[in-house]
Amino acid sequence: QVQLVESGGGLVQAGGSLRLSCAASRSISSINAMGWYRQAPGKQRELVATITSGSSTNYADSVKGRFGISRDNAKNTVYLQMNSLKPEDTAVYYCNAKYIVSQYWGQGTQVTVSS
């Protein structure tokens, strides 16, 4: 089982930026896909962005053009660069590691965007 630890959340004003990090306890090169999800109060957890071991990426329409997901295999870390933040981006952001038949989650990090 892989352990995932998110960091980098915080409070920012609308239009600001944050960079989230997800540190994995084992090599991410062997993981099919890493991703970021978020969950706002009263809403279901939703996909934000994913990146495969081959570095292909996918984004939710709501963040496309504003967020960027990247991977550093040497550091076993996945990042989420968030720019032009909006109040509706406020949520707990979770890191996800997906294998063929299983997946694992981090503890989450809070992102709050003030208007």
PDB file of N, CA and C in Angstrom:
ATOM      1  N   GLN A   1       0.833  -1.173   0.000  1.00  0.00           N
ATOM      2  CA  GLN A   1       0.000   0.000   0.000  1.00  0.00           C
ATOM      3  C   GLN A   1       0.885   1.247   0.000  1.00  0.00           C
ATOM      4  N   VAL A   2       0.511   2.227  -0.793  1.00  0.00           N
ATOM      5  CA  VAL A   2       1.245   3.467  -0.870  1.00  0.00           C
ATOM      6  C   VAL A   2       0.602   4.493   0.062  1.00  0.00           C
ATOM      7  N   GLN A   3       1.440   5.246   0.758  1.00  0.00           N
ATOM      8  CA  GLN A   3       0.959   6.345   1.580  1.00  0.00           C
ATOM      9  C   GLN A   3       1.142   7.649   0.815  1.00  0.00           C
ATOM     10  N   LEU A   4       0.149   8.514   0.895  1.00  0.00           N
ATOM     11  CA  LEU A   4       0.152   9.784   0.184  1.00  0.00           C
ATOM     12  C   LEU A   4      -0.039  10.912   1.181  1.00  0.00           C
ATOM     13  N   VAL A   5       0.794  11.935   1.101  1.00  0.00           N
ATOM     14  CA  VAL A   5       0.728  13.065   2.011  1.00  0.00           C
ATOM     15  C   VAL A   5       0.647  14.348   1.206  1.00  0.00           C
ATOM     16  N   GLU A   6      -0.479  15.051   1.334  1.00  0.00           N
ATOM     17  CA  GLU A   6      -0.665  16.321   0.642  1.00  0.00           C
ATOM     18  C   GLU A   6      -0.173  17.478   1.498  1.00  0.00           C
ATOM     19  N   SER A   7       0.252  18.537   0.838  1.00  0.00           N
ATOM     20  CA  SER A   7       0.636  19.758   1.518  1.00  0.00           C
ATOM     21  C   SER A   7       0.475  20.927   0.559  1.00  0.00           C
ATOM     22  N   GLY A   8       0.524  22.130   1.098  1.00  0.00           N
ATOM     23  CA  GLY A   8       0.497  23.324   0.276  1.00  0.00           C
ATOM     24  C   GLY A   8      -0.815  24.082   0.268  1.00  0.00           C
ATOM     25  N   GLY A   9      -1.837  23.552   0.924  1.00  0.00           N
ATOM     26  CA  GLY A   9      -3.099  24.256   0.988  1.00  0.00           C
ATOM     27  C   GLY A   9      -3.012  25.488   1.863  1.00  0.00           C
ATOM     28  N   GLY A  10      -4.056  26.298   1.803  1.00  0.00           N
ATOM     29  CA  GLY A  10      -4.081  27.509   2.599  1.00  0.00           C
ATOM     30  C   GLY A  10      -5.194  28.429   2.183  1.00  0.00           C
ATOM     31  N   LEU A  11      -5.115  29.655   2.662  1.00  0.00           N
ATOM     32  CA  LEU A  11      -6.103  30.694   2.383  1.00  0.00           C
ATOM     33  C   LEU A  11      -5.503  31.711   1.429  1.00  0.00           C
ATOM     34  N   VAL A  12      -6.186  31.946   0.319  1.00  0.00           N
ATOM     35  CA  VAL A  12      -5.731  32.919  -0.670  1.00  0.00           C
ATOM     36  C   VAL A  12      -6.911  33.749  -1.142  1.00  0.00           C
ATOM     37  N   GLN A  13      -6.613  34.918  -1.683  1.00  0.00           N
ATOM     38  CA  GLN A  13      -7.638  35.764  -2.280  1.00  0.00           C
ATOM     39  C   GLN A  13      -7.941  35.300  -3.695  1.00  0.00           C
ATOM     40  N   ALA A  14      -9.143  35.601  -4.154  1.00  0.00           N
ATOM     41  CA  ALA A  14      -9.503  35.298  -5.528  1.00  0.00           C
ATOM     42  C   ALA A  14      -8.482  35.897  -6.480  1.00  0.00           C
ATOM     43  N   GLY A  15      -8.102  35.121  -7.480  1.00  0.00           N
ATOM     44  CA  GLY A  15      -7.083  35.538  -8.423  1.00  0.00           C
ATOM     45  C   GLY A  15      -5.682  35.114  -8.049  1.00  0.00           C
ATOM     46  N   GLY A  16      -5.512  34.610  -6.841  1.00  0.00           N
ATOM     47  CA  GLY A  16      -4.211  34.178  -6.385  1.00  0.00           C
ATOM     48  C   GLY A  16      -3.857  32.782  -6.837  1.00  0.00           C
ATOM     49  N   SER A  17      -2.710  32.299  -6.358  1.00  0.00           N
ATOM     50  CA  SER A  17      -2.190  30.995  -6.764  1.00  0.00           C
ATOM     51  C   SER A  17      -1.740  30.185  -5.566  1.00  0.00           C
ATOM     52  N   LEU A  18      -1.808  28.873  -5.711  1.00  0.00           N
ATOM     53  CA  LEU A  18      -1.269  27.928  -4.749  1.00  0.00           C
ATOM     54  C   LEU A  18      -0.674  26.755  -5.508  1.00  0.00           C
ATOM     55  N   ARG A  19       0.312  26.110  -4.898  1.00  0.00           N
ATOM     56  CA  ARG A  19       0.876  24.893  -5.447  1.00  0.00           C
ATOM     57  C   ARG A  19       0.762  23.786  -4.412  1.00  0.00           C
ATOM     58  N   LEU A  20      -0.021  22.764  -4.734  1.00  0.00           N
ATOM     59  CA  LEU A  20      -0.180  21.618  -3.866  1.00  0.00           C
ATOM     60  C   LEU A  20       0.831  20.541  -4.219  1.00  0.00           C
ATOM     61  N   SER A  21       1.291  19.814  -3.201  1.00  0.00           N
ATOM     62  CA  SER A  21       2.219  18.716  -3.389  1.00  0.00           C
ATOM     63  C   SER A  21       1.638  17.439  -2.807  1.00  0.00           C
ATOM     64  N   CYS A  22       1.914  16.329  -3.449  1.00  0.00           N
ATOM     65  CA  CYS A  22       1.531  15.012  -2.964  1.00  0.00           C
ATOM     66  C   CYS A  22       2.770  14.135  -2.967  1.00  0.00           C
ATOM     67  N   ALA A  23       3.273  13.828  -1.780  1.00  0.00           N
ATOM     68  CA  ALA A  23       4.457  12.989  -1.639  1.00  0.00           C
ATOM     69  C   ALA A  23       4.036  11.544  -1.407  1.00  0.00           C
ATOM     70  N   ALA A  24       4.533  10.641  -2.232  1.00  0.00           N
ATOM     71  CA  ALA A  24       4.199   9.227  -2.148  1.00  0.00           C
ATOM     72  C   ALA A  24       5.319   8.450  -1.466  1.00  0.00           C
ATOM     73  N   SER A  25       4.947   7.380  -0.772  1.00  0.00           N
ATOM     74  CA  SER A  25       5.907   6.587  -0.014  1.00  0.00           C
ATOM     75  C   SER A  25       6.664   5.577  -0.860  1.00  0.00           C
ATOM     76  N   ARG A  26       6.291   5.427  -2.094  1.00  0.00           N
ATOM     77  CA  ARG A  26       6.994   4.545  -3.003  1.00  0.00           C
ATOM     78  C   ARG A  26       7.024   5.163  -4.387  1.00  0.00           C
ATOM     79  N   SER A  27       7.767   4.549  -5.278  1.00  0.00           N
ATOM     80  CA  SER A  27       7.933   5.090  -6.616  1.00  0.00           C
ATOM     81  C   SER A  27       6.591   5.279  -7.301  1.00  0.00           C
ATOM     82  N   ILE A  28       6.391   6.462  -7.869  1.00  0.00           N
ATOM     83  CA  ILE A  28       5.157   6.718  -8.605  1.00  0.00           C
ATOM     84  C   ILE A  28       5.272   6.267 -10.053  1.00  0.00           C
ATOM     85  N   SER A  29       6.452   5.842 -10.458  1.00  0.00           N
ATOM     86  CA  SER A  29       6.624   5.357 -11.826  1.00  0.00           C
ATOM     87  C   SER A  29       5.815   4.097 -12.087  1.00  0.00           C
ATOM     88  N   SER A  30       5.564   3.302 -11.036  1.00  0.00           N
ATOM     89  CA  SER A  30       4.836   2.049 -11.175  1.00  0.00           C
ATOM     90  C   SER A  30       3.330   2.211 -10.982  1.00  0.00           C
ATOM     91  N   ILE A  31       2.872   3.418 -10.731  1.00  0.00           N
ATOM     92  CA  ILE A  31       1.456   3.687 -10.521  1.00  0.00           C
ATOM     93  C   ILE A  31       0.829   4.114 -11.838  1.00  0.00           C
ATOM     94  N   ASN A  32      -0.297   3.515 -12.177  1.00  0.00           N
ATOM     95  CA  ASN A  32      -0.920   3.783 -13.470  1.00  0.00           C
ATOM     96  C   ASN A  32      -1.262   5.255 -13.644  1.00  0.00           C
ATOM     97  N   ALA A  33      -1.857   5.847 -12.602  1.00  0.00           N
ATOM     98  CA  ALA A  33      -2.244   7.246 -12.681  1.00  0.00           C
ATOM     99  C   ALA A  33      -2.252   7.869 -11.301  1.00  0.00           C
ATOM    100  N   MET A  34      -1.832   9.113 -11.240  1.00  0.00           N
ATOM    101  CA  MET A  34      -1.957   9.928 -10.041  1.00  0.00           C
ATOM    102  C   MET A  34      -2.957  11.029 -10.343  1.00  0.00           C
ATOM    103  N   GLY A  35      -3.675  11.444  -9.324  1.00  0.00           N
ATOM    104  CA  GLY A  35      -4.666  12.469  -9.568  1.00  0.00           C
ATOM    105  C   GLY A  35      -4.951  13.324  -8.356  1.00  0.00           C
ATOM    106  N   TRP A  36      -5.618  14.427  -8.626  1.00  0.00           N
ATOM    107  CA  TRP A  36      -6.134  15.313  -7.602  1.00  0.00           C
ATOM    108  C   TRP A  36      -7.649  15.367  -7.715  1.00  0.00           C
ATOM    109  N   TYR A  37      -8.308  15.214  -6.585  1.00  0.00           N
ATOM    110  CA  TYR A  37      -9.748  15.349  -6.474  1.00  0.00           C
ATOM    111  C   TYR A  37     -10.045  16.395  -5.416  1.00  0.00           C
ATOM    112  N   ARG A  38     -11.261  16.914  -5.409  1.00  0.00           N
ATOM    113  CA  ARG A  38     -11.632  17.873  -4.388  1.00  0.00           C
ATOM    114  C   ARG A  38     -13.066  17.649  -3.950  1.00  0.00           C
ATOM    115  N   GLN A  39     -13.348  18.057  -2.726  1.00  0.00           N
ATOM    116  CA  GLN A  39     -14.684  17.928  -2.182  1.00  0.00           C
ATOM    117  C   GLN A  39     -15.023  19.178  -1.386  1.00  0.00           C
ATOM    118  N   ALA A  40     -16.061  19.868  -1.827  1.00  0.00           N
ATOM    119  CA  ALA A  40     -16.568  21.040  -1.142  1.00  0.00           C
ATOM    120  C   ALA A  40     -17.704  20.625  -0.217  1.00  0.00           C
ATOM    121  N   PRO A  41     -18.002  21.425   0.806  1.00  0.00           N
ATOM    122  CA  PRO A  41     -19.092  21.078   1.723  1.00  0.00           C
ATOM    123  C   PRO A  41     -20.405  20.848   0.995  1.00  0.00           C
ATOM    124  N   GLY A  42     -21.058  19.731   1.297  1.00  0.00           N
ATOM    125  CA  GLY A  42     -22.335  19.416   0.700  1.00  0.00           C
ATOM    126  C   GLY A  42     -22.280  18.898  -0.718  1.00  0.00           C
ATOM    127  N   LYS A  43     -21.093  18.686  -1.254  1.00  0.00           N
ATOM    128  CA  LYS A  43     -20.953  18.226  -2.626  1.00  0.00           C
ATOM    129  C   LYS A  43     -20.155  16.927  -2.671  1.00  0.00           C
ATOM    130  N   GLN A  44     -20.308  16.197  -3.765  1.00  0.00           N
ATOM    131  CA  GLN A  44     -19.558  14.969  -3.959  1.00  0.00           C
ATOM    132  C   GLN A  44     -18.113  15.271  -4.332  1.00  0.00           C
ATOM    133  N   ARG A  45     -17.249  14.324  -4.031  1.00  0.00           N
ATOM    134  CA  ARG A  45     -15.865  14.457  -4.444  1.00  0.00           C
ATOM    135  C   ARG A  45     -15.792  14.397  -5.971  1.00  0.00           C
ATOM    136  N   GLU A  46     -15.036  15.307  -6.555  1.00  0.00           N
ATOM    137  CA  GLU A  46     -14.946  15.387  -8.000  1.00  0.00           C
ATOM    138  C   GLU A  46     -13.503  15.389  -8.461  1.00  0.00           C
ATOM    139  N   LEU A  47     -13.301  14.876  -9.647  1.00  0.00           N
ATOM    140  CA  LEU A  47     -11.980  14.849 -10.246  1.00  0.00           C
ATOM    141  C   LEU A  47     -11.559  16.256 -10.639  1.00  0.00           C
ATOM    142  N   VAL A  48     -10.306  16.591 -10.346  1.00  0.00           N
ATOM    143  CA  VAL A  48      -9.725  17.861 -10.754  1.00  0.00           C
ATOM    144  C   VAL A  48      -8.759  17.649 -11.906  1.00  0.00           C
ATOM    145  N   ALA A  49      -7.804  16.742 -11.726  1.00  0.00           N
ATOM    146  CA  ALA A  49      -6.802  16.492 -12.750  1.00  0.00           C
ATOM    147  C   ALA A  49      -6.154  15.144 -12.509  1.00  0.00           C
ATOM    148  N   THR A  50      -5.706  14.496 -13.574  1.00  0.00           N
ATOM    149  CA  THR A  50      -4.969  13.245 -13.477  1.00  0.00           C
ATOM    150  C   THR A  50      -3.753  13.297 -14.380  1.00  0.00           C
ATOM    151  N   ILE A  51      -2.763  12.482 -14.028  1.00  0.00           N
ATOM    152  CA  ILE A  51      -1.581  12.329 -14.865  1.00  0.00           C
ATOM    153  C   ILE A  51      -1.169  10.865 -14.822  1.00  0.00           C
ATOM    154  N   THR A  52      -0.921  10.270 -15.976  1.00  0.00           N
ATOM    155  CA  THR A  52      -0.544   8.866 -16.061  1.00  0.00           C
ATOM    156  C   THR A  52       0.963   8.709 -15.944  1.00  0.00           C
ATOM    157  N   SER A  53       1.395   7.446 -15.845  1.00  0.00           N
ATOM    158  CA  SER A  53       2.827   7.165 -15.808  1.00  0.00           C
ATOM    159  C   SER A  53       3.513   7.598 -17.091  1.00  0.00           C
ATOM    160  N   GLY A  54       2.756   7.707 -18.169  1.00  0.00           N
ATOM    161  CA  GLY A  54       3.280   8.200 -19.428  1.00  0.00           C
ATOM    162  C   GLY A  54       3.148   9.697 -19.602  1.00  0.00           C
ATOM    163  N   SER A  55       2.685  10.385 -18.553  1.00  0.00           N
ATOM    164  CA  SER A  55       2.603  11.847 -18.493  1.00  0.00           C
ATOM    165  C   SER A  55       1.464  12.446 -19.305  1.00  0.00           C
ATOM    166  N   SER A  56       0.501  11.644 -19.719  1.00  0.00           N
ATOM    167  CA  SER A  56      -0.693  12.224 -20.305  1.00  0.00           C
ATOM    168  C   SER A  56      -1.571  12.790 -19.194  1.00  0.00           C
ATOM    169  N   THR A  57      -2.246  13.893 -19.463  1.00  0.00           N
ATOM    170  CA  THR A  57      -3.014  14.594 -18.438  1.00  0.00           C
ATOM    171  C   THR A  57      -4.463  14.751 -18.842  1.00  0.00           C
ATOM    172  N   ASN A  58      -5.299  14.937 -17.826  1.00  0.00           N
ATOM    173  CA  ASN A  58      -6.716  15.159 -18.029  1.00  0.00           C
ATOM    174  C   ASN A  58      -7.196  16.129 -16.961  1.00  0.00           C
ATOM    175  N   TYR A  59      -8.074  17.067 -17.332  1.00  0.00           N
ATOM    176  CA  TYR A  59      -8.550  18.089 -16.415  1.00  0.00           C
ATOM    177  C   TYR A  59     -10.055  18.210 -16.467  1.00  0.00           C
ATOM    178  N   ALA A  60     -10.633  18.539 -15.319  1.00  0.00           N
ATOM    179  CA  ALA A  60     -12.025  18.927 -15.297  1.00  0.00           C
ATOM    180  C   ALA A  60     -12.195  20.228 -16.078  1.00  0.00           C
ATOM    181  N   ASP A  61     -13.334  20.365 -16.743  1.00  0.00           N
ATOM    182  CA  ASP A  61     -13.573  21.568 -17.529  1.00  0.00           C
ATOM    183  C   ASP A  61     -13.492  22.838 -16.674  1.00  0.00           C
ATOM    184  N   SER A  62     -13.888  22.739 -15.421  1.00  0.00           N
ATOM    185  CA  SER A  62     -13.935  23.901 -14.559  1.00  0.00           C
ATOM    186  C   SER A  62     -12.560  24.457 -14.208  1.00  0.00           C
ATOM    187  N   VAL A  63     -11.508  23.653 -14.374  1.00  0.00           N
ATOM    188  CA  VAL A  63     -10.162  24.103 -14.021  1.00  0.00           C
ATOM    189  C   VAL A  63      -9.237  24.177 -15.216  1.00  0.00           C
ATOM    190  N   LYS A  64      -9.683  23.733 -16.362  1.00  0.00           N
ATOM    191  CA  LYS A  64      -8.844  23.709 -17.553  1.00  0.00           C
ATOM    192  C   LYS A  64      -8.366  25.118 -17.895  1.00  0.00           C
ATOM    193  N   GLY A  65      -7.076  25.247 -18.122  1.00  0.00           N
ATOM    194  CA  GLY A  65      -6.488  26.536 -18.419  1.00  0.00           C
ATOM    195  C   GLY A  65      -6.020  27.294 -17.201  1.00  0.00           C
ATOM    196  N   ARG A  66      -6.442  26.874 -16.011  1.00  0.00           N
ATOM    197  CA  ARG A  66      -6.035  27.525 -14.771  1.00  0.00           C
ATOM    198  C   ARG A  66      -5.129  26.654 -13.918  1.00  0.00           C
ATOM    199  N   PHE A  67      -5.378  25.346 -13.914  1.00  0.00           N
ATOM    200  CA  PHE A  67      -4.615  24.402 -13.098  1.00  0.00           C
ATOM    201  C   PHE A  67      -3.691  23.582 -13.982  1.00  0.00           C
ATOM    202  N   GLY A  68      -2.565  23.165 -13.411  1.00  0.00           N
ATOM    203  CA  GLY A  68      -1.646  22.283 -14.104  1.00  0.00           C
ATOM    204  C   GLY A  68      -1.139  21.188 -13.186  1.00  0.00           C
ATOM    205  N   ILE A  69      -1.228  19.937 -13.628  1.00  0.00           N
ATOM    206  CA  ILE A  69      -0.724  18.818 -12.864  1.00  0.00           C
ATOM    207  C   ILE A  69       0.624  18.399 -13.448  1.00  0.00           C
ATOM    208  N   SER A  70       1.561  18.051 -12.582  1.00  0.00           N
ATOM    209  CA  SER A  70       2.873  17.618 -13.033  1.00  0.00           C
ATOM    210  C   SER A  70       3.417  16.564 -12.081  1.00  0.00           C
ATOM    211  N   ARG A  71       4.476  15.907 -12.499  1.00  0.00           N
ATOM    212  CA  ARG A  71       5.030  14.785 -11.746  1.00  0.00           C
ATOM    213  C   ARG A  71       6.544  14.869 -11.735  1.00  0.00           C
ATOM    214  N   ASP A  72       7.140  14.562 -10.588  1.00  0.00           N
ATOM    215  CA  ASP A  72       8.583  14.471 -10.449  1.00  0.00           C
ATOM    216  C   ASP A  72       8.888  13.070  -9.929  1.00  0.00           C
ATOM    217  N   ASN A  73       9.240  12.162 -10.821  1.00  0.00           N
ATOM    218  CA  ASN A  73       9.473  10.773 -10.433  1.00  0.00           C
ATOM    219  C   ASN A  73      10.638  10.632  -9.455  1.00  0.00           C
ATOM    220  N   ALA A  74      11.664  11.456  -9.602  1.00  0.00           N
ATOM    221  CA  ALA A  74      12.819  11.371  -8.722  1.00  0.00           C
ATOM    222  C   ALA A  74      12.451  11.692  -7.285  1.00  0.00           C
ATOM    223  N   LYS A  75      11.468  12.551  -7.095  1.00  0.00           N
ATOM    224  CA  LYS A  75      11.028  12.941  -5.761  1.00  0.00           C
ATOM    225  C   LYS A  75       9.766  12.210  -5.317  1.00  0.00           C
ATOM    226  N   ASN A  76       9.251  11.318  -6.148  1.00  0.00           N
ATOM    227  CA  ASN A  76       8.012  10.595  -5.853  1.00  0.00           C
ATOM    228  C   ASN A  76       6.891  11.565  -5.469  1.00  0.00           C
ATOM    229  N   THR A  77       6.771  12.630  -6.222  1.00  0.00           N
ATOM    230  CA  THR A  77       5.855  13.702  -5.876  1.00  0.00           C
ATOM    231  C   THR A  77       5.064  14.157  -7.092  1.00  0.00           C
ATOM    232  N   VAL A  78       3.789  14.411  -6.869  1.00  0.00           N
ATOM    233  CA  VAL A  78       2.902  14.984  -7.869  1.00  0.00           C
ATOM    234  C   VAL A  78       2.465  16.355  -7.381  1.00  0.00           C
ATOM    235  N   TYR A  79       2.382  17.309  -8.298  1.00  0.00           N
ATOM    236  CA  TYR A  79       2.036  18.675  -7.958  1.00  0.00           C
ATOM    237  C   TYR A  79       0.749  19.100  -8.645  1.00  0.00           C
ATOM    238  N   LEU A  80       0.082  20.054  -8.047  1.00  0.00           N
ATOM    239  CA  LEU A  80      -1.049  20.717  -8.678  1.00  0.00           C
ATOM    240  C   LEU A  80      -0.834  22.215  -8.546  1.00  0.00           C
ATOM    241  N   GLN A  81      -0.486  22.857  -9.642  1.00  0.00           N
ATOM    242  CA  GLN A  81      -0.340  24.305  -9.675  1.00  0.00           C
ATOM    243  C   GLN A  81      -1.697  24.920  -9.964  1.00  0.00           C
ATOM    244  N   MET A  82      -2.169  25.761  -9.073  1.00  0.00           N
ATOM    245  CA  MET A  82      -3.483  26.361  -9.188  1.00  0.00           C
ATOM    246  C   MET A  82      -3.325  27.869  -9.338  1.00  0.00           C
ATOM    247  N   ASN A  83      -3.753  28.392 -10.466  1.00  0.00           N
ATOM    248  CA  ASN A  83      -3.686  29.817 -10.753  1.00  0.00           C
ATOM    249  C   ASN A  83      -5.086  30.384 -10.956  1.00  0.00           C
ATOM    250  N   SER A  84      -5.186  31.698 -10.873  1.00  0.00           N
ATOM    251  CA  SER A  84      -6.467  32.383 -11.073  1.00  0.00           C
ATOM    252  C   SER A  84      -7.567  31.746 -10.246  1.00  0.00           C
ATOM    253  N   LEU A  85      -7.282  31.542  -8.983  1.00  0.00           N
ATOM    254  CA  LEU A  85      -8.216  30.838  -8.113  1.00  0.00           C
ATOM    255  C   LEU A  85      -9.509  31.622  -7.925  1.00  0.00           C
ATOM    256  N   LYS A  86     -10.595  30.875  -7.841  1.00  0.00           N
ATOM    257  CA  LYS A  86     -11.930  31.420  -7.657  1.00  0.00           C
ATOM    258  C   LYS A  86     -12.517  30.911  -6.348  1.00  0.00           C
ATOM    259  N   PRO A  87     -13.469  31.634  -5.766  1.00  0.00           N
ATOM    260  CA  PRO A  87     -14.098  31.142  -4.533  1.00  0.00           C
ATOM    261  C   PRO A  87     -14.685  29.738  -4.685  1.00  0.00           C
ATOM    262  N   GLU A  88     -15.188  29.398  -5.858  1.00  0.00           N
ATOM    263  CA  GLU A  88     -15.748  28.077  -6.069  1.00  0.00           C
ATOM    264  C   GLU A  88     -14.705  26.966  -6.094  1.00  0.00           C
ATOM    265  N   ASP A  89     -13.421  27.317  -6.074  1.00  0.00           N
ATOM    266  CA  ASP A  89     -12.362  26.326  -5.935  1.00  0.00           C
ATOM    267  C   ASP A  89     -12.168  25.888  -4.491  1.00  0.00           C
ATOM    268  N   THR A  90     -12.813  26.559  -3.562  1.00  0.00           N
ATOM    269  CA  THR A  90     -12.687  26.217  -2.151  1.00  0.00           C
ATOM    270  C   THR A  90     -13.154  24.787  -1.905  1.00  0.00           C
ATOM    271  N   ALA A  91     -12.277  23.978  -1.320  1.00  0.00           N
ATOM    272  CA  ALA A  91     -12.570  22.569  -1.087  1.00  0.00           C
ATOM    273  C   ALA A  91     -11.398  21.932  -0.368  1.00  0.00           C
ATOM    274  N   VAL A  92     -11.603  20.705   0.085  1.00  0.00           N
ATOM    275  CA  VAL A  92     -10.500  19.867   0.513  1.00  0.00           C
ATOM    276  C   VAL A  92      -9.995  19.124  -0.712  1.00  0.00           C
ATOM    277  N   TYR A  93      -8.707  19.225  -0.959  1.00  0.00           N
ATOM    278  CA  TYR A  93      -8.095  18.599  -2.124  1.00  0.00           C
ATOM    279  C   TYR A  93      -7.380  17.327  -1.704  1.00  0.00           C
ATOM    280  N   TYR A  94      -7.668  16.228  -2.404  1.00  0.00           N
ATOM    281  CA  TYR A  94      -7.138  14.917  -2.084  1.00  0.00           C
ATOM    282  C   TYR A  94      -6.263  14.388  -3.210  1.00  0.00           C
ATOM    283  N   CYS A  95      -5.156  13.800  -2.841  1.00  0.00           N
ATOM    284  CA  CYS A  95      -4.295  13.109  -3.779  1.00  0.00           C
ATOM    285  C   CYS A  95      -4.760  11.661  -3.915  1.00  0.00           C
ATOM    286  N   ASN A  96      -4.661  11.124  -5.118  1.00  0.00           N
ATOM    287  CA  ASN A  96      -5.115   9.771  -5.407  1.00  0.00           C
ATOM    288  C   ASN A  96      -4.072   9.028  -6.226  1.00  0.00           C
ATOM    289  N   ALA A  97      -3.844   7.766  -5.869  1.00  0.00           N
ATOM    290  CA  ALA A  97      -2.986   6.874  -6.642  1.00  0.00           C
ATOM    291  C   ALA A  97      -3.819   5.707  -7.112  1.00  0.00           C
ATOM    292  N   LYS A  98      -3.823   5.474  -8.412  1.00  0.00           N
ATOM    293  CA  LYS A  98      -4.686   4.458  -8.999  1.00  0.00           C
ATOM    294  C   LYS A  98      -3.862   3.359  -9.646  1.00  0.00           C
ATOM    295  N   TYR A  99      -4.107   2.129  -9.180  1.00  0.00           N
ATOM    296  CA  TYR A  99      -3.548   0.941  -9.796  1.00  0.00           C
ATOM    297  C   TYR A  99      -4.622   0.273 -10.636  1.00  0.00           C
ATOM    298  N   ILE A 100      -4.299  -0.894 -11.189  1.00  0.00           N
ATOM    299  CA  ILE A 100      -5.255  -1.586 -12.044  1.00  0.00           C
ATOM    300  C   ILE A 100      -6.531  -1.935 -11.285  1.00  0.00           C
ATOM    301  N   VAL A 101      -6.383  -2.463 -10.067  1.00  0.00           N
ATOM    302  CA  VAL A 101      -7.544  -2.952  -9.321  1.00  0.00           C
ATOM    303  C   VAL A 101      -7.702  -2.309  -7.958  1.00  0.00           C
ATOM    304  N   SER A 102      -6.961  -1.267  -7.663  1.00  0.00           N
ATOM    305  CA  SER A 102      -7.064  -0.625  -6.368  1.00  0.00           C
ATOM    306  C   SER A 102      -6.658   0.835  -6.472  1.00  0.00           C
ATOM    307  N   GLN A 103      -7.027   1.613  -5.465  1.00  0.00           N
ATOM    308  CA  GLN A 103      -6.612   2.998  -5.404  1.00  0.00           C
ATOM    309  C   GLN A 103      -6.460   3.418  -3.955  1.00  0.00           C
ATOM    310  N   TYR A 104      -5.672   4.486  -3.743  1.00  0.00           N
ATOM    311  CA  TYR A 104      -5.357   4.961  -2.407  1.00  0.00           C
ATOM    312  C   TYR A 104      -5.481   6.475  -2.365  1.00  0.00           C
ATOM    313  N   TRP A 105      -5.807   6.979  -1.180  1.00  0.00           N
ATOM    314  CA  TRP A 105      -6.072   8.401  -0.984  1.00  0.00           C
ATOM    315  C   TRP A 105      -5.192   8.983   0.105  1.00  0.00           C
ATOM    316  N   GLY A 106      -4.831  10.248  -0.057  1.00  0.00           N
ATOM    317  CA  GLY A 106      -4.190  10.991   0.997  1.00  0.00           C
ATOM    318  C   GLY A 106      -5.208  11.547   1.967  1.00  0.00           C
ATOM    319  N   GLN A 107      -4.735  12.281   2.962  1.00  0.00           N
ATOM    320  CA  GLN A 107      -5.615  12.797   4.009  1.00  0.00           C
ATOM    321  C   GLN A 107      -6.329  14.080   3.607  1.00  0.00           C
ATOM    322  N   GLY A 108      -5.866  14.732   2.573  1.00  0.00           N
ATOM    323  CA  GLY A 108      -6.470  15.952   2.092  1.00  0.00           C
ATOM    324  C   GLY A 108      -5.809  17.198   2.645  1.00  0.00           C
ATOM    325  N   THR A 109      -5.899  18.276   1.885  1.00  0.00           N
ATOM    326  CA  THR A 109      -5.409  19.575   2.320  1.00  0.00           C
ATOM    327  C   THR A 109      -6.441  20.633   1.943  1.00  0.00           C
ATOM    328  N   GLN A 110      -6.712  21.543   2.866  1.00  0.00           N
ATOM    329  CA  GLN A 110      -7.765  22.533   2.681  1.00  0.00           C
ATOM    330  C   GLN A 110      -7.279  23.695   1.835  1.00  0.00           C
ATOM    331  N   VAL A 111      -8.069  24.043   0.835  1.00  0.00           N
ATOM    332  CA  VAL A 111      -7.842  25.239   0.032  1.00  0.00           C
ATOM    333  C   VAL A 111      -9.058  26.136   0.193  1.00  0.00           C
ATOM    334  N   THR A 112      -8.842  27.364   0.628  1.00  0.00           N
ATOM    335  CA  THR A 112      -9.913  28.327   0.803  1.00  0.00           C
ATOM    336  C   THR A 112      -9.592  29.584   0.008  1.00  0.00           C
ATOM    337  N   VAL A 113     -10.513  29.980  -0.855  1.00  0.00           N
ATOM    338  CA  VAL A 113     -10.335  31.154  -1.702  1.00  0.00           C
ATOM    339  C   VAL A 113     -11.379  32.187  -1.306  1.00  0.00           C
ATOM    340  N   SER A 114     -10.936  33.332  -0.849  1.00  0.00           N
ATOM    341  CA  SER A 114     -11.834  34.390  -0.415  1.00  0.00           C
ATOM    342  C   SER A 114     -12.190  35.297  -1.587  1.00  0.00           C
ATOM    343  N   SER A 115     -13.403  35.836  -1.560  1.00  0.00           N
ATOM    344  CA  SER A 115     -13.864  36.708  -2.625  1.00  0.00           C
ATOM    345  C   SER A 115     -13.536  38.161  -2.342  1.00  0.00           C
TER     346      SER A 115
END
